[in-house]
Amino acid sequence: MARSKLEIYLSILEVLALRGSLSLTHITYKASLNHNVAKRYLTFLVRQNLVEEKVIEKKKAIYAITNSGWKILRYFWEIKQVLQIEQKGV
């Protein structure tokens, strides 16, 4: 089953939250994405100030979740938790 854009954004944020700063290659692997998709979604997250791109050694970049990214991720974790509780009561 294909993931939605939102699920992919959250997957990238979760990988960075749980693993720390990572290269595009590591994000691609950990989030189960292909290189082009990961790059496109990371570019969006950087523009939204949810992920920070840091250039190290000549053109090599690593990515890290920002405080805003953490805030968004926490909201989704809370929503997910609430929905699971409500589903059990149905």
N, C-alpha and C. Protein backbone atom coordinates (compact mmCIF):
# COMPACT_ATOMS: atom_id res chain seq x y z
N MET A 1 0.84 -1.18 0.00
CA MET A 1 0.00 0.00 0.00
C MET A 1 0.88 1.25 0.00
N ALA A 2 0.58 2.18 -0.87
CA ALA A 2 1.35 3.41 -0.98
C ALA A 2 1.09 4.31 0.24
N ARG A 3 2.14 5.00 0.66
CA ARG A 3 2.00 5.94 1.77
C ARG A 3 1.59 7.31 1.24
N SER A 4 0.86 8.04 2.06
CA SER A 4 0.47 9.40 1.70
C SER A 4 1.67 10.33 1.90
N LYS A 5 1.56 11.53 1.36
CA LYS A 5 2.62 12.53 1.55
C LYS A 5 2.84 12.78 3.04
N LEU A 6 1.75 12.91 3.76
CA LEU A 6 1.85 13.17 5.20
C LEU A 6 2.60 12.04 5.91
N GLU A 7 2.30 10.81 5.56
CA GLU A 7 2.98 9.68 6.18
C GLU A 7 4.48 9.69 5.86
N ILE A 8 4.84 10.09 4.66
CA ILE A 8 6.26 10.16 4.29
C ILE A 8 6.95 11.29 5.06
N TYR A 9 6.31 12.45 5.14
CA TYR A 9 6.89 13.55 5.93
C TYR A 9 7.11 13.12 7.37
N LEU A 10 6.11 12.49 7.95
CA LEU A 10 6.22 12.04 9.34
C LEU A 10 7.28 10.96 9.50
N SER A 11 7.40 10.09 8.53
CA SER A 11 8.41 9.04 8.58
C SER A 11 9.82 9.64 8.61
N ILE A 12 10.05 10.64 7.78
CA ILE A 12 11.36 11.31 7.75
C ILE A 12 11.61 12.01 9.09
N LEU A 13 10.62 12.72 9.60
CA LEU A 13 10.78 13.40 10.89
C LEU A 13 11.06 12.40 12.01
N GLU A 14 10.36 11.27 12.01
CA GLU A 14 10.58 10.25 13.03
C GLU A 14 11.98 9.66 12.95
N VAL A 15 12.45 9.39 11.75
CA VAL A 15 13.80 8.85 11.57
C VAL A 15 14.82 9.83 12.16
N LEU A 16 14.68 11.10 11.84
CA LEU A 16 15.62 12.10 12.35
C LEU A 16 15.48 12.28 13.86
N ALA A 17 14.27 12.19 14.37
CA ALA A 17 14.05 12.34 15.81
C ALA A 17 14.67 11.18 16.58
N LEU A 18 14.56 9.98 16.04
CA LEU A 18 15.03 8.79 16.75
C LEU A 18 16.51 8.49 16.50
N ARG A 19 17.03 8.90 15.35
CA ARG A 19 18.42 8.55 14.98
C ARG A 19 19.40 9.71 15.03
N GLY A 20 18.88 10.94 15.14
CA GLY A 20 19.77 12.10 15.14
C GLY A 20 20.08 12.55 13.72
N SER A 21 21.08 13.37 13.56
CA SER A 21 21.46 13.89 12.24
C SER A 21 21.92 12.76 11.33
N LEU A 22 21.43 12.79 10.09
CA LEU A 22 21.74 11.72 9.14
C LEU A 22 21.97 12.29 7.75
N SER A 23 22.68 11.53 6.94
CA SER A 23 22.86 11.86 5.53
C SER A 23 21.61 11.45 4.76
N LEU A 24 21.49 11.94 3.54
CA LEU A 24 20.38 11.57 2.68
C LEU A 24 20.32 10.06 2.48
N THR A 25 21.46 9.44 2.30
CA THR A 25 21.51 7.98 2.10
C THR A 25 20.92 7.24 3.29
N HIS A 26 21.29 7.65 4.49
CA HIS A 26 20.78 6.98 5.69
C HIS A 26 19.28 7.23 5.88
N ILE A 27 18.83 8.43 5.60
CA ILE A 27 17.40 8.74 5.70
C ILE A 27 16.63 7.88 4.70
N THR A 28 17.16 7.80 3.48
CA THR A 28 16.53 7.00 2.43
C THR A 28 16.34 5.56 2.90
N TYR A 29 17.38 5.00 3.48
CA TYR A 29 17.34 3.61 3.95
C TYR A 29 16.39 3.44 5.13
N LYS A 30 16.53 4.29 6.14
CA LYS A 30 15.74 4.15 7.37
C LYS A 30 14.26 4.44 7.16
N ALA A 31 13.93 5.34 6.22
CA ALA A 31 12.53 5.69 5.97
C ALA A 31 11.93 4.86 4.82
N SER A 32 12.71 3.96 4.28
CA SER A 32 12.26 3.10 3.16
C SER A 32 11.76 3.91 1.97
N LEU A 33 12.60 4.81 1.50
CA LEU A 33 12.27 5.66 0.35
C LEU A 33 13.34 5.52 -0.71
N ASN A 34 13.01 5.88 -1.95
CA ASN A 34 14.08 5.94 -2.94
C ASN A 34 14.73 7.32 -2.84
N HIS A 35 15.90 7.44 -3.42
CA HIS A 35 16.72 8.64 -3.29
C HIS A 35 15.99 9.90 -3.75
N ASN A 36 15.38 9.84 -4.94
CA ASN A 36 14.72 11.04 -5.49
C ASN A 36 13.53 11.48 -4.65
N VAL A 37 12.76 10.54 -4.16
CA VAL A 37 11.61 10.87 -3.31
C VAL A 37 12.09 11.49 -2.00
N ALA A 38 13.09 10.87 -1.39
CA ALA A 38 13.63 11.39 -0.12
C ALA A 38 14.14 12.81 -0.29
N LYS A 39 14.87 13.06 -1.37
CA LYS A 39 15.43 14.40 -1.61
C LYS A 39 14.31 15.43 -1.77
N ARG A 40 13.28 15.07 -2.54
CA ARG A 40 12.16 15.99 -2.77
C ARG A 40 11.44 16.33 -1.46
N TYR A 41 11.18 15.32 -0.65
CA TYR A 41 10.47 15.54 0.62
C TYR A 41 11.35 16.28 1.62
N LEU A 42 12.63 15.99 1.63
CA LEU A 42 13.54 16.72 2.53
C LEU A 42 13.61 18.20 2.14
N THR A 43 13.63 18.47 0.85
CA THR A 43 13.66 19.86 0.39
C THR A 43 12.45 20.62 0.91
N PHE A 44 11.27 19.99 0.85
CA PHE A 44 10.06 20.60 1.38
C PHE A 44 10.17 20.83 2.88
N LEU A 45 10.63 19.82 3.62
CA LEU A 45 10.75 19.94 5.08
C LEU A 45 11.75 21.02 5.48
N VAL A 46 12.82 21.17 4.71
CA VAL A 46 13.80 22.23 4.98
C VAL A 46 13.15 23.59 4.74
N ARG A 47 12.41 23.74 3.63
CA ARG A 47 11.73 25.02 3.34
C ARG A 47 10.72 25.38 4.41
N GLN A 48 10.12 24.37 5.04
CA GLN A 48 9.13 24.61 6.09
C GLN A 48 9.77 24.80 7.46
N ASN A 49 11.10 24.75 7.52
CA ASN A 49 11.86 24.89 8.76
C ASN A 49 11.57 23.76 9.76
N LEU A 50 11.25 22.58 9.25
CA LEU A 50 11.03 21.42 10.11
C LEU A 50 12.27 20.54 10.18
N VAL A 51 13.13 20.70 9.17
CA VAL A 51 14.41 19.99 9.10
C VAL A 51 15.47 21.00 8.70
N GLU A 52 16.66 20.83 9.26
CA GLU A 52 17.79 21.71 8.95
C GLU A 52 18.82 20.93 8.15
N GLU A 53 19.31 21.55 7.08
CA GLU A 53 20.36 20.95 6.27
C GLU A 53 21.69 21.59 6.66
N LYS A 54 22.66 20.77 7.01
CA LYS A 54 23.99 21.26 7.38
C LYS A 54 25.00 20.69 6.40
N VAL A 55 25.76 21.57 5.76
CA VAL A 55 26.77 21.10 4.82
C VAL A 55 28.07 20.88 5.58
N ILE A 56 28.57 19.67 5.45
CA ILE A 56 29.86 19.32 6.03
C ILE A 56 30.76 18.93 4.87
N GLU A 57 31.96 18.63 5.06
CA GLU A 57 32.89 18.22 4.00
C GLU A 57 32.39 18.45 2.58
N LYS A 58 32.86 19.43 1.92
CA LYS A 58 32.59 19.70 0.50
C LYS A 58 31.35 19.04 -0.07
N LYS A 59 30.26 19.69 -0.01
CA LYS A 59 28.99 19.28 -0.62
C LYS A 59 28.27 18.13 0.08
N LYS A 60 28.84 17.52 1.10
CA LYS A 60 28.13 16.46 1.81
C LYS A 60 27.22 17.13 2.84
N ALA A 61 25.95 16.76 2.81
CA ALA A 61 24.97 17.36 3.71
C ALA A 61 24.44 16.32 4.69
N ILE A 62 24.16 16.80 5.89
CA ILE A 62 23.43 15.99 6.86
C ILE A 62 22.18 16.78 7.25
N TYR A 63 21.19 16.05 7.70
CA TYR A 63 19.90 16.66 8.03
C TYR A 63 19.56 16.38 9.49
N ALA A 64 18.93 17.37 10.12
CA ALA A 64 18.55 17.24 11.53
C ALA A 64 17.17 17.86 11.71
N ILE A 65 16.41 17.29 12.61
CA ILE A 65 15.08 17.82 12.91
C ILE A 65 15.25 19.12 13.72
N THR A 66 14.41 20.10 13.44
CA THR A 66 14.46 21.38 14.15
C THR A 66 13.47 21.34 15.32
N ASN A 67 13.48 22.39 16.12
CA ASN A 67 12.50 22.49 17.22
C ASN A 67 11.07 22.48 16.67
N SER A 68 10.86 23.16 15.55
CA SER A 68 9.52 23.16 14.93
C SER A 68 9.15 21.76 14.46
N GLY A 69 10.11 21.04 13.93
CA GLY A 69 9.86 19.66 13.50
C GLY A 69 9.48 18.78 14.67
N TRP A 70 10.18 18.95 15.80
CA TRP A 70 9.85 18.20 17.02
C TRP A 70 8.43 18.50 17.47
N LYS A 71 8.07 19.77 17.42
CA LYS A 71 6.74 20.19 17.85
C LYS A 71 5.66 19.51 17.01
N ILE A 72 5.82 19.54 15.70
CA ILE A 72 4.86 18.89 14.79
C ILE A 72 4.80 17.40 15.07
N LEU A 73 5.94 16.77 15.22
CA LEU A 73 6.00 15.33 15.45
C LEU A 73 5.30 14.95 16.75
N ARG A 74 5.51 15.73 17.80
CA ARG A 74 4.84 15.46 19.08
C ARG A 74 3.32 15.54 18.94
N TYR A 75 2.84 16.53 18.19
CA TYR A 75 1.39 16.64 17.96
C TYR A 75 0.86 15.38 17.30
N PHE A 76 1.55 14.89 16.29
CA PHE A 76 1.07 13.69 15.61
C PHE A 76 1.17 12.45 16.48
N TRP A 77 2.18 12.37 17.31
CA TRP A 77 2.28 11.24 18.24
C TRP A 77 1.10 11.26 19.22
N GLU A 78 0.74 12.47 19.72
CA GLU A 78 -0.39 12.60 20.63
C GLU A 78 -1.70 12.22 19.94
N ILE A 79 -1.88 12.68 18.71
CA ILE A 79 -3.10 12.34 17.96
C ILE A 79 -3.18 10.84 17.75
N LYS A 80 -2.08 10.23 17.38
CA LYS A 80 -2.04 8.79 17.15
C LYS A 80 -2.40 8.03 18.42
N GLN A 81 -1.88 8.50 19.54
CA GLN A 81 -2.17 7.86 20.82
C GLN A 81 -3.66 7.98 21.18
N VAL A 82 -4.24 9.14 20.98
CA VAL A 82 -5.65 9.36 21.29
C VAL A 82 -6.53 8.48 20.38
N LEU A 83 -6.22 8.41 19.11
CA LEU A 83 -7.00 7.60 18.19
C LEU A 83 -6.95 6.13 18.54
N GLN A 84 -5.82 5.64 19.00
CA GLN A 84 -5.72 4.23 19.40
C GLN A 84 -6.59 3.94 20.61
N ILE A 85 -6.65 4.88 21.55
CA ILE A 85 -7.49 4.71 22.74
C ILE A 85 -8.96 4.67 22.34
N GLU A 86 -9.36 5.58 21.46
CA GLU A 86 -10.75 5.63 21.02
C GLU A 86 -11.14 4.38 20.23
N GLN A 87 -10.23 3.85 19.43
CA GLN A 87 -10.51 2.66 18.64
C GLN A 87 -10.74 1.45 19.54
N LYS A 88 -10.04 1.37 20.65
CA LYS A 88 -10.21 0.23 21.57
C LYS A 88 -11.60 0.25 22.20
N GLY A 89 -12.16 1.45 22.39
CA GLY A 89 -13.46 1.56 23.04
C GLY A 89 -14.63 1.29 22.11
N VAL A 90 -14.37 1.20 20.81
CA VAL A 90 -15.46 1.01 19.82
C VAL A 90 -15.94 -0.42 19.81
